[in-house]
Amino acid sequence: MPANQALPHPAMKDVELTEVLFALSDPARLQIVHDLADGPLQMAQCGATNPALPKSTKSHLMKVLREAGVIRNEPQARGRLVSLRREELDEAFPGLLDSVLNAPKA
C-alpha cells in the first residue's frame, strides 16, 4: 500500500472493549502502545524495533492495533505517522489505558 494512501479507522462508537483488550494482549503490540504514549511517531520509529522482525510482522501488529481502534496510522509526506487514540479511548473506556500503561511489566 502506498505511504500516502489513507487507511480505514473504526469510529469509536464501533470499537469494542474485547477487541481493544485483544490488541493489547500481545507483548509486541503492547510495546508499540508504550512507544506511542509520549506522542506520535513515524512508523519506522515505533514499536517492535527488533531488526530481526520482518516488515510484514510489524505491519500486521499495526493493523491489529488500528482495526481495534487503539491507534491511528495516517499518511504524512513519504511516510506514515502513527498515534495513540488516547483521548478517544479514555472517553470510551475510562482508566483502561492508564491501567495498561502503568501495569508492572512481567
C-alpha atoms as a PDB file:
ATOM      1  CA  MET A   1       0.000   0.000   0.000  1.00  0.00           C
ATOM      2  CA  PRO A   2       1.426   3.404  -0.911  1.00  0.00           C
ATOM      3  CA  ALA A   3       2.526   5.516   2.046  1.00  0.00           C
ATOM      4  CA  ASN A   4       0.181   8.346   1.024  1.00  0.00           C
ATOM      5  CA  GLN A   5      -2.970   6.206   0.946  1.00  0.00           C
ATOM      6  CA  ALA A   6      -5.412   6.667   3.822  1.00  0.00           C
ATOM      7  CA  LEU A   7      -6.283   3.596   5.872  1.00  0.00           C
ATOM      8  CA  PRO A   8      -9.710   2.960   7.420  1.00  0.00           C
ATOM      9  CA  HIS A   9     -10.063   3.583  11.138  1.00  0.00           C
ATOM     10  CA  PRO A  10     -13.124   2.486  13.119  1.00  0.00           C
ATOM     11  CA  ALA A  11     -15.382   5.111  14.634  1.00  0.00           C
ATOM     12  CA  MET A  12     -15.017   4.963  18.395  1.00  0.00           C
ATOM     13  CA  LYS A  13     -18.710   4.116  18.758  1.00  0.00           C
ATOM     14  CA  ASP A  14     -17.933   0.886  16.878  1.00  0.00           C
ATOM     15  CA  VAL A  15     -14.894  -0.045  18.968  1.00  0.00           C
ATOM     16  CA  GLU A  16     -15.496  -2.972  21.297  1.00  0.00           C
ATOM     17  CA  LEU A  17     -13.674  -3.422  24.584  1.00  0.00           C
ATOM     18  CA  THR A  18     -12.910  -7.067  23.771  1.00  0.00           C
ATOM     19  CA  GLU A  19     -11.122  -6.034  20.567  1.00  0.00           C
ATOM     20  CA  VAL A  20      -9.094  -3.390  22.402  1.00  0.00           C
ATOM     21  CA  LEU A  21      -8.125  -5.890  25.095  1.00  0.00           C
ATOM     22  CA  PHE A  22      -7.164  -8.458  22.466  1.00  0.00           C
ATOM     23  CA  ALA A  23      -4.996  -5.894  20.662  1.00  0.00           C
ATOM     24  CA  LEU A  24      -3.274  -5.018  23.943  1.00  0.00           C
ATOM     25  CA  SER A  25      -2.740  -8.660  24.933  1.00  0.00           C
ATOM     26  CA  ASP A  26       0.267  -9.230  22.675  1.00  0.00           C
ATOM     27  CA  PRO A  27       3.639  -8.077  24.097  1.00  0.00           C
ATOM     28  CA  ALA A  28       4.848  -6.644  20.766  1.00  0.00           C
ATOM     29  CA  ARG A  29       1.623  -4.665  20.241  1.00  0.00           C
ATOM     30  CA  LEU A  30       1.712  -3.514  23.851  1.00  0.00           C
ATOM     31  CA  GLN A  31       5.269  -2.253  23.303  1.00  0.00           C
ATOM     32  CA  ILE A  32       4.037  -0.184  20.369  1.00  0.00           C
ATOM     33  CA  VAL A  33       1.367   1.371  22.614  1.00  0.00           C
ATOM     34  CA  HIS A  34       4.051   2.155  25.215  1.00  0.00           C
ATOM     35  CA  ASP A  35       6.200   3.724  22.486  1.00  0.00           C
ATOM     36  CA  LEU A  36       3.279   5.931  21.396  1.00  0.00           C
ATOM     37  CA  ALA A  37       2.257   7.001  24.903  1.00  0.00           C
ATOM     38  CA  ASP A  38       4.516  10.075  24.710  1.00  0.00           C
ATOM     39  CA  GLY A  39       3.196  11.164  21.329  1.00  0.00           C
ATOM     40  CA  PRO A  40       3.017  10.277  17.636  1.00  0.00           C
ATOM     41  CA  LEU A  41       5.943   8.663  15.852  1.00  0.00           C
ATOM     42  CA  GLN A  42       6.855   7.881  12.302  1.00  0.00           C
ATOM     43  CA  MET A  43       6.002   4.253  11.601  1.00  0.00           C
ATOM     44  CA  ALA A  44       9.683   3.478  11.087  1.00  0.00           C
ATOM     45  CA  GLN A  45      10.428   4.734  14.623  1.00  0.00           C
ATOM     46  CA  CYS A  46       7.775   2.970  16.647  1.00  0.00           C
ATOM     47  CA  GLY A  47       7.338  -0.398  18.174  1.00  0.00           C
ATOM     48  CA  ALA A  48       8.847  -3.754  17.570  1.00  0.00           C
ATOM     49  CA  THR A  49      12.208  -2.210  16.703  1.00  0.00           C
ATOM     50  CA  ASN A  50      13.890  -5.597  16.702  1.00  0.00           C
ATOM     51  CA  PRO A  51      15.847  -5.565  13.421  1.00  0.00           C
ATOM     52  CA  ALA A  52      15.147  -9.289  13.010  1.00  0.00           C
ATOM     53  CA  LEU A  53      11.400  -8.592  12.906  1.00  0.00           C
ATOM     54  CA  PRO A  54      10.085  -8.830   9.340  1.00  0.00           C
ATOM     55  CA  LYS A  55       8.276  -5.782   7.938  1.00  0.00           C
ATOM     56  CA  SER A  56       5.225  -7.958   7.355  1.00  0.00           C
ATOM     57  CA  THR A  57       5.046  -8.780  11.063  1.00  0.00           C
ATOM     58  CA  LYS A  58       5.341  -5.129  12.044  1.00  0.00           C
ATOM     59  CA  SER A  59       2.627  -4.233   9.524  1.00  0.00           C
ATOM     60  CA  HIS A  60       0.374  -6.911  10.980  1.00  0.00           C
ATOM     61  CA  LEU A  61       0.931  -5.628  14.535  1.00  0.00           C
ATOM     62  CA  MET A  62      -0.033  -2.125  13.388  1.00  0.00           C
ATOM     63  CA  LYS A  63      -3.071  -3.412  11.517  1.00  0.00           C
ATOM     64  CA  VAL A  64      -4.429  -5.217  14.588  1.00  0.00           C
ATOM     65  CA  LEU A  65      -3.986  -2.084  16.732  1.00  0.00           C
ATOM     66  CA  ARG A  66      -5.568   0.153  14.074  1.00  0.00           C
ATOM     67  CA  GLU A  67      -8.545  -2.102  13.428  1.00  0.00           C
ATOM     68  CA  ALA A  68      -9.160  -2.404  17.190  1.00  0.00           C
ATOM     69  CA  GLY A  69      -9.304   1.397  17.436  1.00  0.00           C
ATOM     70  CA  VAL A  70      -6.148   1.740  19.536  1.00  0.00           C
ATOM     71  CA  ILE A  71      -4.002   3.708  17.071  1.00  0.00           C
ATOM     72  CA  ARG A  72      -4.260   5.969  14.050  1.00  0.00           C
ATOM     73  CA  ASN A  73      -1.939   5.315  11.124  1.00  0.00           C
ATOM     74  CA  GLU A  74      -2.077   8.215   8.697  1.00  0.00           C
ATOM     75  CA  PRO A  75      -0.073   9.311   5.692  1.00  0.00           C
ATOM     76  CA  GLN A  76       2.489  12.057   6.236  1.00  0.00           C
ATOM     77  CA  ALA A  77       4.754  13.093   3.379  1.00  0.00           C
ATOM     78  CA  ARG A  78       6.500   9.907   2.204  1.00  0.00           C
ATOM     79  CA  GLY A  79       5.910   8.009   5.433  1.00  0.00           C
ATOM     80  CA  ARG A  80       3.185   7.247   7.924  1.00  0.00           C
ATOM     81  CA  LEU A  81       2.502   8.901  11.271  1.00  0.00           C
ATOM     82  CA  VAL A  82       1.252   6.565  13.976  1.00  0.00           C
ATOM     83  CA  SER A  83      -0.508   7.907  17.059  1.00  0.00           C
ATOM     84  CA  LEU A  84      -2.345   6.527  20.063  1.00  0.00           C
ATOM     85  CA  ARG A  85      -6.068   7.352  20.123  1.00  0.00           C
ATOM     86  CA  ARG A  86      -5.612   8.295  23.769  1.00  0.00           C
ATOM     87  CA  GLU A  87      -8.387  10.864  24.256  1.00  0.00           C
ATOM     88  CA  GLU A  88     -10.949   8.776  22.397  1.00  0.00           C
ATOM     89  CA  LEU A  89     -10.028   5.604  24.295  1.00  0.00           C
ATOM     90  CA  ASP A  90     -10.061   7.426  27.635  1.00  0.00           C
ATOM     91  CA  GLU A  91     -13.552   8.696  26.890  1.00  0.00           C
ATOM     92  CA  ALA A  92     -14.848   5.309  25.736  1.00  0.00           C
ATOM     93  CA  PHE A  93     -13.072   3.199  28.369  1.00  0.00           C
ATOM     94  CA  PRO A  94     -12.074   5.447  31.308  1.00  0.00           C
ATOM     95  CA  GLY A  95      -8.890   4.352  33.050  1.00  0.00           C
ATOM     96  CA  LEU A  96      -8.114   1.478  30.675  1.00  0.00           C
ATOM     97  CA  LEU A  97      -5.004   2.923  29.053  1.00  0.00           C
ATOM     98  CA  ASP A  98      -3.646   4.269  32.340  1.00  0.00           C
ATOM     99  CA  SER A  99      -4.054   0.811  33.867  1.00  0.00           C
ATOM    100  CA  VAL A 100      -2.356  -0.877  30.943  1.00  0.00           C
ATOM    101  CA  LEU A 101       0.488   1.625  30.624  1.00  0.00           C
ATOM    102  CA  ASN A 102       1.182   1.718  34.373  1.00  0.00           C
ATOM    103  CA  ALA A 103       0.972  -2.045  34.949  1.00  0.00           C
ATOM    104  CA  PRO A 104       4.168  -3.683  36.135  1.00  0.00           C
ATOM    105  CA  LYS A 105       5.990  -5.441  33.309  1.00  0.00           C
ATOM    106  CA  ALA A 106       6.099  -9.199  33.688  1.00  0.00           C
END
